[in-house]
Amino acid sequence: MTATAIIRQIQALPAREKRKVFRFVYDSETPNLITRRALQEDVSRSPRYANPEGLLKDLRR
């Protein structure tokens, strides 16, 4: 099935069903509040690791 065919099917849905489709797409494609906040954090002073072992060592402390 092509994207055009899917779009036409969605356009043909009753309003209530369209809202369900839009809600599904929004919920699955939009970052949640925690992610949006994390994206705004200043990480310039965060520790940097060259490999996973360094990170694991710090986590064990």
N, C-alpha and C. Protein backbone atom coordinates (compact mmCIF):
# COMPACT_ATOMS: atom_id res chain seq x y z
N MET A 1 0.85 -1.18 0.00
CA MET A 1 0.00 0.00 0.00
C MET A 1 0.90 1.24 0.00
N THR A 2 0.55 2.22 -0.78
CA THR A 2 1.36 3.44 -0.88
C THR A 2 0.96 4.44 0.21
N ALA A 3 1.82 5.39 0.45
CA ALA A 3 1.52 6.44 1.42
C ALA A 3 0.28 7.23 0.99
N THR A 4 0.16 7.46 -0.31
CA THR A 4 -1.00 8.19 -0.83
C THR A 4 -2.29 7.46 -0.51
N ALA A 5 -2.28 6.15 -0.66
CA ALA A 5 -3.48 5.36 -0.36
C ALA A 5 -3.82 5.42 1.13
N ILE A 6 -2.80 5.38 1.96
CA ILE A 6 -3.04 5.47 3.41
C ILE A 6 -3.61 6.84 3.77
N ILE A 7 -3.04 7.89 3.20
CA ILE A 7 -3.54 9.24 3.48
C ILE A 7 -4.99 9.37 3.05
N ARG A 8 -5.32 8.83 1.90
CA ARG A 8 -6.72 8.89 1.43
C ARG A 8 -7.65 8.14 2.37
N GLN A 9 -7.19 7.01 2.89
CA GLN A 9 -8.01 6.25 3.83
C GLN A 9 -8.22 7.05 5.12
N ILE A 10 -7.19 7.70 5.58
CA ILE A 10 -7.31 8.51 6.80
C ILE A 10 -8.25 9.68 6.54
N GLN A 11 -8.13 10.33 5.40
CA GLN A 11 -9.02 11.45 5.07
C GLN A 11 -10.47 11.02 5.01
N ALA A 12 -10.73 9.78 4.65
CA ALA A 12 -12.10 9.29 4.51
C ALA A 12 -12.71 8.87 5.85
N LEU A 13 -11.91 8.82 6.90
CA LEU A 13 -12.42 8.39 8.20
C LEU A 13 -13.35 9.43 8.81
N PRO A 14 -14.27 8.97 9.68
CA PRO A 14 -15.07 9.93 10.44
C PRO A 14 -14.16 10.74 11.37
N ALA A 15 -14.62 11.91 11.76
CA ALA A 15 -13.80 12.83 12.56
C ALA A 15 -13.24 12.17 13.81
N ARG A 16 -14.04 11.39 14.51
CA ARG A 16 -13.58 10.75 15.74
C ARG A 16 -12.41 9.79 15.47
N GLU A 17 -12.51 9.04 14.39
CA GLU A 17 -11.44 8.10 14.04
C GLU A 17 -10.18 8.85 13.58
N LYS A 18 -10.36 9.96 12.87
CA LYS A 18 -9.20 10.77 12.47
C LYS A 18 -8.45 11.26 13.69
N ARG A 19 -9.20 11.71 14.70
CA ARG A 19 -8.55 12.19 15.92
C ARG A 19 -7.72 11.09 16.56
N LYS A 20 -8.22 9.86 16.52
CA LYS A 20 -7.46 8.74 17.09
C LYS A 20 -6.16 8.53 16.31
N VAL A 21 -6.24 8.63 15.00
CA VAL A 21 -5.03 8.48 14.18
C VAL A 21 -4.04 9.60 14.49
N PHE A 22 -4.53 10.83 14.53
CA PHE A 22 -3.64 11.97 14.81
C PHE A 22 -3.03 11.85 16.19
N ARG A 23 -3.80 11.42 17.18
CA ARG A 23 -3.30 11.26 18.55
C ARG A 23 -2.20 10.19 18.56
N PHE A 24 -2.43 9.09 17.86
CA PHE A 24 -1.43 8.03 17.79
C PHE A 24 -0.13 8.55 17.19
N VAL A 25 -0.22 9.25 16.08
CA VAL A 25 0.98 9.78 15.42
C VAL A 25 1.67 10.79 16.34
N TYR A 26 0.90 11.68 16.94
CA TYR A 26 1.48 12.70 17.83
C TYR A 26 2.19 12.03 19.00
N ASP A 27 1.52 11.08 19.63
CA ASP A 27 2.11 10.42 20.81
C ASP A 27 3.36 9.61 20.46
N SER A 28 3.38 9.03 19.28
CA SER A 28 4.52 8.18 18.93
C SER A 28 5.67 8.96 18.29
N GLU A 29 5.42 10.17 17.82
CA GLU A 29 6.46 10.93 17.12
C GLU A 29 6.93 12.17 17.88
N THR A 30 6.24 12.56 18.93
CA THR A 30 6.59 13.76 19.67
C THR A 30 7.31 13.36 20.96
N PRO A 31 8.47 13.94 21.22
CA PRO A 31 9.17 13.61 22.47
C PRO A 31 8.32 13.99 23.69
N ASN A 32 8.40 13.16 24.72
CA ASN A 32 7.64 13.47 25.93
C ASN A 32 8.33 14.59 26.72
N LEU A 33 7.70 15.02 27.78
CA LEU A 33 8.19 16.17 28.56
C LEU A 33 9.61 15.92 29.09
N ILE A 34 9.88 14.72 29.57
CA ILE A 34 11.21 14.42 30.12
C ILE A 34 12.27 14.55 29.02
N THR A 35 11.97 14.05 27.85
CA THR A 35 12.92 14.15 26.74
C THR A 35 13.11 15.60 26.32
N ARG A 36 12.03 16.37 26.25
CA ARG A 36 12.16 17.79 25.86
C ARG A 36 13.01 18.55 26.86
N ARG A 37 12.83 18.27 28.15
CA ARG A 37 13.66 18.93 29.17
C ARG A 37 15.12 18.52 29.03
N ALA A 38 15.36 17.25 28.79
CA ALA A 38 16.73 16.76 28.65
C ALA A 38 17.42 17.41 27.46
N LEU A 39 16.68 17.64 26.40
CA LEU A 39 17.26 18.27 25.22
C LEU A 39 17.68 19.71 25.48
N GLN A 40 17.10 20.33 26.50
CA GLN A 40 17.41 21.72 26.82
C GLN A 40 18.52 21.86 27.87
N GLU A 41 18.94 20.74 28.45
CA GLU A 41 19.97 20.79 29.49
C GLU A 41 21.32 21.24 28.92
N ASP A 42 22.04 21.97 29.76
CA ASP A 42 23.40 22.38 29.38
C ASP A 42 24.34 21.23 29.75
N VAL A 43 24.90 20.59 28.77
CA VAL A 43 25.77 19.44 29.01
C VAL A 43 27.24 19.80 28.82
N SER A 44 27.54 21.07 28.70
CA SER A 44 28.92 21.48 28.44
C SER A 44 29.88 21.09 29.57
N ARG A 45 29.38 20.96 30.78
CA ARG A 45 30.24 20.59 31.91
C ARG A 45 30.08 19.13 32.32
N SER A 46 29.32 18.39 31.59
CA SER A 46 29.11 16.97 31.90
C SER A 46 30.39 16.19 31.61
N PRO A 47 30.60 15.11 32.37
CA PRO A 47 31.80 14.31 32.10
C PRO A 47 31.73 13.66 30.73
N ARG A 48 32.89 13.45 30.14
CA ARG A 48 32.99 12.79 28.83
C ARG A 48 33.73 11.47 29.02
N TYR A 49 33.30 10.47 28.29
CA TYR A 49 33.90 9.15 28.40
C TYR A 49 34.39 8.70 27.03
N ALA A 50 35.59 8.15 27.01
CA ALA A 50 36.16 7.66 25.76
C ALA A 50 35.64 6.26 25.43
N ASN A 51 35.15 5.56 26.48
CA ASN A 51 34.67 4.21 26.28
C ASN A 51 33.65 3.85 27.38
N PRO A 52 32.90 2.81 27.20
CA PRO A 52 31.88 2.43 28.19
C PRO A 52 32.48 2.04 29.54
N GLU A 53 33.69 1.54 29.54
CA GLU A 53 34.30 1.12 30.80
C GLU A 53 34.48 2.31 31.76
N GLY A 54 34.85 3.47 31.22
CA GLY A 54 35.00 4.66 32.06
C GLY A 54 33.68 5.07 32.69
N LEU A 55 32.62 5.00 31.92
CA LEU A 55 31.29 5.32 32.44
C LEU A 55 30.89 4.32 33.52
N LEU A 56 31.08 3.04 33.27
CA LEU A 56 30.72 2.02 34.24
C LEU A 56 31.51 2.18 35.53
N LYS A 57 32.78 2.56 35.41
CA LYS A 57 33.61 2.78 36.60
C LYS A 57 33.03 3.90 37.46
N ASP A 58 32.63 5.00 36.82
CA ASP A 58 32.02 6.11 37.57
C ASP A 58 30.67 5.73 38.17
N LEU A 59 29.92 4.91 37.49
CA LEU A 59 28.61 4.52 38.01
C LEU A 59 28.72 3.61 39.23
N ARG A 60 29.80 2.89 39.33
CA ARG A 60 30.00 1.96 40.47
C ARG A 60 30.39 2.69 41.75
N ARG A 61 30.83 3.94 41.64
CA ARG A 61 31.27 4.70 42.82
C ARG A 61 30.12 5.05 43.71
